[in-house]
Structure formats: C-alpha cells, structure tokens
PDB file of N, CA and C in Angstrom:
ATOM      1  N   UNK A   1      17.737  -6.439  -9.710  1.00  0.00           N
ATOM      2  CA  UNK A   1      17.002  -5.378  -9.054  1.00  0.00           C
ATOM      3  C   UNK A   1      17.481  -5.280  -7.601  1.00  0.00           C
ATOM      4  N   UNK A   2      17.708  -4.048  -7.123  1.00  0.00           N
ATOM      5  CA  UNK A   2      18.120  -3.865  -5.732  1.00  0.00           C
ATOM      6  C   UNK A   2      17.007  -4.306  -4.776  1.00  0.00           C
ATOM      7  N   UNK A   3      17.376  -4.613  -3.545  1.00  0.00           N
ATOM      8  CA  UNK A   3      16.399  -4.992  -2.531  1.00  0.00           C
ATOM      9  C   UNK A   3      15.491  -3.796  -2.250  1.00  0.00           C
ATOM     10  N   UNK A   4      14.195  -3.953  -2.466  1.00  0.00           N
ATOM     11  CA  UNK A   4      13.258  -2.838  -2.286  1.00  0.00           C
ATOM     12  C   UNK A   4      13.172  -2.385  -0.832  1.00  0.00           C
ATOM     13  N   UNK A   5      13.520  -3.266   0.121  1.00  0.00           N
ATOM     14  CA  UNK A   5      13.468  -2.884   1.527  1.00  0.00           C
ATOM     15  C   UNK A   5      14.677  -2.051   1.946  1.00  0.00           C
ATOM     16  N   UNK A   6      15.682  -1.943   1.086  1.00  0.00           N
ATOM     17  CA  UNK A   6      16.835  -1.087   1.357  1.00  0.00           C
ATOM     18  C   UNK A   6      16.629   0.324   0.827  1.00  0.00           C
ATOM     19  N   UNK A   7      15.638   0.530  -0.022  1.00  0.00           N
ATOM     20  CA  UNK A   7      15.416   1.832  -0.662  1.00  0.00           C
ATOM     21  C   UNK A   7      14.778   2.816   0.319  1.00  0.00           C
ATOM     22  N   UNK A   8      15.300   4.051   0.368  1.00  0.00           N
ATOM     23  CA  UNK A   8      14.701   5.056   1.247  1.00  0.00           C
ATOM     24  C   UNK A   8      13.354   5.530   0.709  1.00  0.00           C
ATOM     25  N   UNK A   9      12.434   5.844   1.621  1.00  0.00           N
ATOM     26  CA  UNK A   9      11.098   6.290   1.196  1.00  0.00           C
ATOM     27  C   UNK A   9      10.735   7.651   1.787  1.00  0.00           C
ATOM     28  N   UNK A  10      11.708   8.375   2.322  1.00  0.00           N
ATOM     29  CA  UNK A  10      11.435   9.658   2.976  1.00  0.00           C
ATOM     30  C   UNK A  10      10.708  10.637   2.056  1.00  0.00           C
ATOM     31  N   UNK A  11      10.982  10.623   0.764  1.00  0.00           N
ATOM     32  CA  UNK A  11      10.367  11.568  -0.171  1.00  0.00           C
ATOM     33  C   UNK A  11       9.182  10.977  -0.935  1.00  0.00           C
ATOM     34  N   UNK A  12       8.717   9.802  -0.541  1.00  0.00           N
ATOM     35  CA  UNK A  12       7.604   9.157  -1.234  1.00  0.00           C
ATOM     36  C   UNK A  12       6.318   9.971  -1.056  1.00  0.00           C
ATOM     37  N   UNK A  13       5.509  10.021  -2.117  1.00  0.00           N
ATOM     38  CA  UNK A  13       4.235  10.741  -2.107  1.00  0.00           C
ATOM     39  C   UNK A  13       3.107   9.719  -1.949  1.00  0.00           C
ATOM     40  N   UNK A  14       2.530   9.619  -0.771  1.00  0.00           N
ATOM     41  CA  UNK A  14       1.527   8.600  -0.470  1.00  0.00           C
ATOM     42  C   UNK A  14       0.122   9.047  -0.837  1.00  0.00           C
ATOM     43  N   UNK A  15      -0.666   8.105  -1.358  1.00  0.00           N
ATOM     44  CA  UNK A  15      -2.102   8.257  -1.553  1.00  0.00           C
ATOM     45  C   UNK A  15      -2.756   7.349  -0.525  1.00  0.00           C
ATOM     46  N   UNK A  16      -3.816   7.841   0.124  1.00  0.00           N
ATOM     47  CA  UNK A  16      -4.467   7.079   1.187  1.00  0.00           C
ATOM     48  C   UNK A  16      -5.862   6.659   0.751  1.00  0.00           C
ATOM     49  N   UNK A  17      -6.160   5.385   0.964  1.00  0.00           N
ATOM     50  CA  UNK A  17      -7.458   4.807   0.618  1.00  0.00           C
ATOM     51  C   UNK A  17      -8.086   4.296   1.905  1.00  0.00           C
ATOM     52  N   UNK A  18      -9.266   4.844   2.253  1.00  0.00           N
ATOM     53  CA  UNK A  18      -9.911   4.516   3.526  1.00  0.00           C
ATOM     54  C   UNK A  18     -11.254   3.835   3.307  1.00  0.00           C
ATOM     55  N   UNK A  19     -11.669   3.126   4.331  1.00  0.00           N
ATOM     56  CA  UNK A  19     -12.972   2.483   4.334  1.00  0.00           C
ATOM     57  C   UNK A  19     -13.260   1.975   5.721  1.00  0.00           C
ATOM     58  N   UNK A  20     -14.447   1.475   5.915  1.00  0.00           N
ATOM     59  CA  UNK A  20     -14.785   0.921   7.226  1.00  0.00           C
ATOM     60  C   UNK A  20     -15.157   1.995   8.209  1.00  0.00           C
ATOM     61  N   UNK A  21     -14.345   2.194   9.209  1.00  0.00           N
ATOM     62  CA  UNK A  21     -14.629   3.104  10.309  1.00  0.00           C
ATOM     63  C   UNK A  21     -14.294   4.539   9.916  1.00  0.00           C
ATOM     64  N   UNK A  22     -14.956   5.049   8.901  1.00  0.00           N
ATOM     65  CA  UNK A  22     -14.638   6.383   8.397  1.00  0.00           C
ATOM     66  C   UNK A  22     -14.814   7.453   9.461  1.00  0.00           C
ATOM     67  N   UNK A  23     -13.777   8.217   9.645  1.00  0.00           N
ATOM     68  CA  UNK A  23     -13.824   9.327  10.567  1.00  0.00           C
ATOM     69  C   UNK A  23     -13.615   8.958  12.018  1.00  0.00           C
ATOM     70  N   UNK A  24     -13.543   7.687  12.317  1.00  0.00           N
ATOM     71  CA  UNK A  24     -13.366   7.258  13.699  1.00  0.00           C
ATOM     72  C   UNK A  24     -11.931   7.399  14.162  1.00  0.00           C
ATOM     73  N   UNK A  25     -11.745   7.145  15.431  1.00  0.00           N
ATOM     74  CA  UNK A  25     -10.412   7.253  16.025  1.00  0.00           C
ATOM     75  C   UNK A  25      -9.428   6.286  15.380  1.00  0.00           C
ATOM     76  N   UNK A  26      -9.910   5.118  14.982  1.00  0.00           N
ATOM     77  CA  UNK A  26      -9.045   4.104  14.384  1.00  0.00           C
ATOM     78  C   UNK A  26      -9.497   3.814  12.959  1.00  0.00           C
ATOM     79  N   UNK A  27      -9.598   4.856  12.154  1.00  0.00           N
ATOM     80  CA  UNK A  27     -10.040   4.723  10.771  1.00  0.00           C
ATOM     81  C   UNK A  27      -9.170   3.711  10.039  1.00  0.00           C
ATOM     82  N   UNK A  28      -9.810   2.877   9.245  1.00  0.00           N
ATOM     83  CA  UNK A  28      -9.086   1.827   8.538  1.00  0.00           C
ATOM     84  C   UNK A  28      -8.630   2.339   7.187  1.00  0.00           C
ATOM     85  N   UNK A  29      -7.349   2.600   7.077  1.00  0.00           N
ATOM     86  CA  UNK A  29      -6.776   3.144   5.851  1.00  0.00           C
ATOM     87  C   UNK A  29      -5.488   2.415   5.475  1.00  0.00           C
ATOM     88  N   UNK A  30      -5.236   2.399   4.195  1.00  0.00           N
ATOM     89  CA  UNK A  30      -3.958   1.975   3.656  1.00  0.00           C
ATOM     90  C   UNK A  30      -3.422   3.110   2.820  1.00  0.00           C
ATOM     91  N   UNK A  31      -2.129   3.351   2.901  1.00  0.00           N
ATOM     92  CA  UNK A  31      -1.472   4.360   2.077  1.00  0.00           C
ATOM     93  C   UNK A  31      -0.478   3.659   1.179  1.00  0.00           C
ATOM     94  N   UNK A  32      -0.383   4.135  -0.057  1.00  0.00           N
ATOM     95  CA  UNK A  32       0.531   3.529  -1.020  1.00  0.00           C
ATOM     96  C   UNK A  32       1.287   4.630  -1.758  1.00  0.00           C
ATOM     97  N   UNK A  33       2.552   4.348  -2.043  1.00  0.00           N
ATOM     98  CA  UNK A  33       3.386   5.302  -2.781  1.00  0.00           C
ATOM     99  C   UNK A  33       4.412   4.541  -3.602  1.00  0.00           C
ATOM    100  N   UNK A  34       4.742   5.118  -4.751  1.00  0.00           N
ATOM    101  CA  UNK A  34       5.857   4.569  -5.521  1.00  0.00           C
ATOM    102  C   UNK A  34       7.145   4.915  -4.781  1.00  0.00           C
ATOM    103  N   UNK A  35       8.056   3.982  -4.718  1.00  0.00           N
ATOM    104  CA  UNK A  35       9.331   4.212  -4.039  1.00  0.00           C
ATOM    105  C   UNK A  35      10.194   5.106  -4.927  1.00  0.00           C
ATOM    106  N   UNK A  36      10.629   6.267  -4.406  1.00  0.00           N
ATOM    107  CA  UNK A  36      11.440   7.183  -5.210  1.00  0.00           C
ATOM    108  C   UNK A  36      12.686   6.491  -5.778  1.00  0.00           C
ATOM    109  N   UNK A  37      12.900   6.690  -7.073  1.00  0.00           N
ATOM    110  CA  UNK A  37      14.065   6.130  -7.742  1.00  0.00           C
ATOM    111  C   UNK A  37      13.922   4.674  -8.137  1.00  0.00           C
ATOM    112  N   UNK A  38      12.776   4.064  -7.850  1.00  0.00           N
ATOM    113  CA  UNK A  38      12.549   2.652  -8.193  1.00  0.00           C
ATOM    114  C   UNK A  38      11.211   2.534  -8.918  1.00  0.00           C
ATOM    115  N   UNK A  39      11.169   3.004 -10.156  1.00  0.00           N
ATOM    116  CA  UNK A  39       9.946   3.006 -10.948  1.00  0.00           C
ATOM    117  C   UNK A  39       9.275   1.642 -10.932  1.00  0.00           C
ATOM    118  N   UNK A  40       7.962   1.661 -10.686  1.00  0.00           N
ATOM    119  CA  UNK A  40       7.187   0.424 -10.693  1.00  0.00           C
ATOM    120  C   UNK A  40       7.318  -0.404  -9.426  1.00  0.00           C
ATOM    121  N   UNK A  41       7.831   0.210  -8.366  1.00  0.00           N
ATOM    122  CA  UNK A  41       7.971  -0.476  -7.083  1.00  0.00           C
ATOM    123  C   UNK A  41       7.302   0.395  -6.018  1.00  0.00           C
ATOM    124  N   UNK A  42       6.517  -0.238  -5.148  1.00  0.00           N
ATOM    125  CA  UNK A  42       5.665   0.511  -4.236  1.00  0.00           C
ATOM    126  C   UNK A  42       5.827   0.070  -2.787  1.00  0.00           C
ATOM    127  N   UNK A  43       5.445   0.981  -1.890  1.00  0.00           N
ATOM    128  CA  UNK A  43       5.392   0.700  -0.461  1.00  0.00           C
ATOM    129  C   UNK A  43       3.957   0.933  -0.003  1.00  0.00           C
ATOM    130  N   UNK A  44       3.443   0.024   0.821  1.00  0.00           N
ATOM    131  CA  UNK A  44       2.092   0.115   1.372  1.00  0.00           C
ATOM    132  C   UNK A  44       2.208   0.194   2.889  1.00  0.00           C
ATOM    133  N   UNK A  45       1.516   1.185   3.480  1.00  0.00           N
ATOM    134  CA  UNK A  45       1.491   1.366   4.934  1.00  0.00           C
ATOM    135  C   UNK A  45       0.075   1.172   5.451  1.00  0.00           C
ATOM    136  N   UNK A  46      -0.031   0.633   6.647  1.00  0.00           N
ATOM    137  CA  UNK A  46      -1.273   0.601   7.408  1.00  0.00           C
ATOM    138  C   UNK A  46      -1.265   1.866   8.254  1.00  0.00           C
ATOM    139  N   UNK A  47      -2.317   2.686   8.178  1.00  0.00           N
ATOM    140  CA  UNK A  47      -2.307   3.965   8.891  1.00  0.00           C
ATOM    141  C   UNK A  47      -2.851   3.881  10.317  1.00  0.00           C
ATOM    142  N   UNK A  48      -3.395   2.730  10.717  1.00  0.00           N
ATOM    143  CA  UNK A  48      -3.903   2.598  12.079  1.00  0.00           C
ATOM    144  C   UNK A  48      -2.738   2.608  13.077  1.00  0.00           C
ATOM    145  N   UNK A  49      -2.971   3.100  14.294  1.00  0.00           N
ATOM    146  CA  UNK A  49      -1.890   3.148  15.283  1.00  0.00           C
ATOM    147  C   UNK A  49      -1.227   1.782  15.495  1.00  0.00           C
ATOM    148  N   UNK A  50      -2.022   0.715  15.475  1.00  0.00           N
ATOM    149  CA  UNK A  50      -1.463  -0.620  15.682  1.00  0.00           C
ATOM    150  C   UNK A  50      -0.524  -1.036  14.542  1.00  0.00           C
ATOM    151  N   UNK A  51      -0.692  -0.430  13.378  1.00  0.00           N
ATOM    152  CA  UNK A  51       0.127  -0.774  12.225  1.00  0.00           C
ATOM    153  C   UNK A  51       1.311   0.143  12.017  1.00  0.00           C
ATOM    154  N   UNK A  52       1.512   1.074  12.927  1.00  0.00           N
ATOM    155  CA  UNK A  52       2.598   2.044  12.780  1.00  0.00           C
ATOM    156  C   UNK A  52       3.932   1.332  12.585  1.00  0.00           C
ATOM    157  N   UNK A  53       4.637   1.747  11.560  1.00  0.00           N
ATOM    158  CA  UNK A  53       5.949   1.182  11.280  1.00  0.00           C
ATOM    159  C   UNK A  53       5.921  -0.084  10.443  1.00  0.00           C
ATOM    160  N   UNK A  54       4.728  -0.630  10.214  1.00  0.00           N
ATOM    161  CA  UNK A  54       4.615  -1.836   9.398  1.00  0.00           C
ATOM    162  C   UNK A  54       4.455  -1.430   7.933  1.00  0.00           C
ATOM    163  N   UNK A  55       5.118  -2.153   7.046  1.00  0.00           N
ATOM    164  CA  UNK A  55       4.985  -1.846   5.632  1.00  0.00           C
ATOM    165  C   UNK A  55       5.208  -3.087   4.789  1.00  0.00           C
ATOM    166  N   UNK A  56       4.675  -3.012   3.594  1.00  0.00           N
ATOM    167  CA  UNK A  56       4.848  -4.046   2.586  1.00  0.00           C
ATOM    168  C   UNK A  56       5.394  -3.342   1.356  1.00  0.00           C
ATOM    169  N   UNK A  57       6.382  -3.938   0.728  1.00  0.00           N
ATOM    170  CA  UNK A  57       6.930  -3.374  -0.508  1.00  0.00           C
ATOM    171  C   UNK A  57       6.785  -4.408  -1.609  1.00  0.00           C
ATOM    172  N   UNK A  58       6.357  -3.947  -2.776  1.00  0.00           N
ATOM    173  CA  UNK A  58       6.078  -4.872  -3.871  1.00  0.00           C
ATOM    174  C   UNK A  58       6.193  -4.153  -5.202  1.00  0.00           C
ATOM    175  N   UNK A  59       6.359  -4.948  -6.261  1.00  0.00           N
ATOM    176  CA  UNK A  59       6.378  -4.379  -7.614  1.00  0.00           C
ATOM    177  C   UNK A  59       4.941  -4.110  -8.056  1.00  0.00           C
ATOM    178  N   UNK A  60       4.815  -3.312  -9.101  1.00  0.00           N
ATOM    179  CA  UNK A  60       3.496  -3.032  -9.663  1.00  0.00           C
ATOM    180  C   UNK A  60       2.824  -4.331 -10.100  1.00  0.00           C
ATOM    181  N   UNK A  61       3.576  -5.250 -10.686  1.00  0.00           N
ATOM    182  CA  UNK A  61       3.000  -6.517 -11.134  1.00  0.00           C
ATOM    183  C   UNK A  61       2.473  -7.327  -9.949  1.00  0.00           C
ATOM    184  N   UNK A  62       3.197  -7.327  -8.848  1.00  0.00           N
ATOM    185  CA  UNK A  62       2.746  -8.050  -7.659  1.00  0.00           C
ATOM    186  C   UNK A  62       1.479  -7.424  -7.079  1.00  0.00           C
ATOM    187  N   UNK A  63       1.448  -6.101  -7.000  1.00  0.00           N
ATOM    188  CA  UNK A  63       0.256  -5.430  -6.480  1.00  0.00           C
ATOM    189  C   UNK A  63      -0.932  -5.600  -7.416  1.00  0.00           C
ATOM    190  N   UNK A  64      -0.692  -5.527  -8.737  1.00  0.00           N
ATOM    191  CA  UNK A  64      -1.777  -5.742  -9.699  1.00  0.00           C
ATOM    192  C   UNK A  64      -2.363  -7.137  -9.565  1.00  0.00           C
ATOM    193  N   UNK A  65      -1.511  -8.147  -9.445  1.00  0.00           N
ATOM    194  CA  UNK A  65      -1.981  -9.527  -9.293  1.00  0.00           C
ATOM    195  C   UNK A  65      -2.793  -9.664  -8.006  1.00  0.00           C
ATOM    196  N   UNK A  66      -2.314  -9.048  -6.922  1.00  0.00           N
ATOM    197  CA  UNK A  66      -3.049  -9.084  -5.667  1.00  0.00           C
ATOM    198  C   UNK A  66      -4.416  -8.418  -5.820  1.00  0.00           C
ATOM    199  N   UNK A  67      -4.431  -7.191  -6.364  1.00  0.00           N
ATOM    200  CA  UNK A  67      -5.683  -6.433  -6.486  1.00  0.00           C
ATOM    201  C   UNK A  67      -6.695  -7.172  -7.358  1.00  0.00           C
ATOM    202  N   UNK A  68      -6.253  -7.685  -8.490  1.00  0.00           N
ATOM    203  CA  UNK A  68      -7.174  -8.408  -9.371  1.00  0.00           C
ATOM    204  C   UNK A  68      -7.677  -9.682  -8.718  1.00  0.00           C
ATOM    205  N   UNK A  69      -6.805 -10.405  -8.036  1.00  0.00           N
ATOM    206  CA  UNK A  69      -7.220 -11.607  -7.324  1.00  0.00           C
ATOM    207  C   UNK A  69      -8.203 -11.295  -6.215  1.00  0.00           C
ATOM    208  N   UNK A  70      -7.957 -10.225  -5.476  1.00  0.00           N
ATOM    209  CA  UNK A  70      -8.845  -9.806  -4.395  1.00  0.00           C
ATOM    210  C   UNK A  70     -10.227  -9.474  -4.934  1.00  0.00           C
ATOM    211  N   UNK A  71     -10.277  -8.690  -6.005  1.00  0.00           N
ATOM    212  CA  UNK A  71     -11.554  -8.329  -6.622  1.00  0.00           C
ATOM    213  C   UNK A  71     -12.299  -9.568  -7.086  1.00  0.00           C
ATOM    214  N   UNK A  72     -11.596 -10.476  -7.727  1.00  0.00           N
ATOM    215  CA  UNK A  72     -12.203 -11.699  -8.239  1.00  0.00           C
ATOM    216  C   UNK A  72     -12.722 -12.569  -7.092  1.00  0.00           C
ATOM    217  N   UNK A  73     -11.886 -12.804  -6.089  1.00  0.00           N
ATOM    218  CA  UNK A  73     -12.273 -13.666  -4.958  1.00  0.00           C
ATOM    219  C   UNK A  73     -13.456 -13.083  -4.169  1.00  0.00           C
ATOM    220  N   UNK A  74     -13.530 -11.789  -4.087  1.00  0.00           N
ATOM    221  CA  UNK A  74     -14.595 -11.139  -3.317  1.00  0.00           C
ATOM    222  C   UNK A  74     -15.837 -10.884  -4.151  1.00  0.00           C
ATOM    223  N   UNK A  75     -15.766 -11.129  -5.457  1.00  0.00           N
ATOM    224  CA  UNK A  75     -16.919 -10.902  -6.328  1.00  0.00           C
ATOM    225  C   UNK A  75     -17.252  -9.430  -6.494  1.00  0.00           C
ATOM    226  N   UNK A  76     -16.225  -8.578  -6.398  1.00  0.00           N
ATOM    227  CA  UNK A  76     -16.425  -7.137  -6.519  1.00  0.00           C
ATOM    228  C   UNK A  76     -16.384  -6.713  -7.986  1.00  0.00           C
ATOM    229  N   UNK A  77     -17.004  -5.581  -8.259  1.00  0.00           N
ATOM    230  CA  UNK A  77     -16.962  -5.004  -9.598  1.00  0.00           C
ATOM    231  C   UNK A  77     -15.935  -3.884  -9.596  1.00  0.00           C
ATOM    232  N   UNK A  78     -14.951  -3.948 -10.512  1.00  0.00           N
ATOM    233  CA  UNK A  78     -13.936  -2.877 -10.543  1.00  0.00           C
ATOM    234  C   UNK A  78     -14.517  -1.539 -10.970  1.00  0.00           C
TER     235      UNK A  78
END
C-alpha cells in the first residue's frame, strides 16, 4: 500500500462532526473524508484554528477500531 501521507487530498469530500462549543468562535469539530483514489483510507482534520494544518490519516479498519474502543471505554451507546 502506498504511503497515505503522500496521497493528495485536494478533491476530498469532508463530513464535519461537531460538539461541545456549538456555534462558538472556537467550535469543536472534526472533519473526515475518504482519500481520493485510496478506497478505505481516510484523513481526519481538526477544524479549530489551533489545529489548522494538522491531520491524521488512517485506514477504515484503524478508524473503526478507534471508534469502537472509544465508545466502549467511555460507556457510550452507539
């Protein structure tokens, strides 16, 4: 598999998930998009000004494991 950090994301279609300081100047949001041309591989952005330019790239399996672990550890209901 090619290095996911070398893949261009200019045409990625991001979905944004927000919570916390809804509507505030520093709303807490994460945006996620599948990396174009790399099925099952994603990029996650922090939308706060302090997070500008920061990103995490991971496979669907890695993100699924993270999400399920997070839900379990926090005692949340999916």
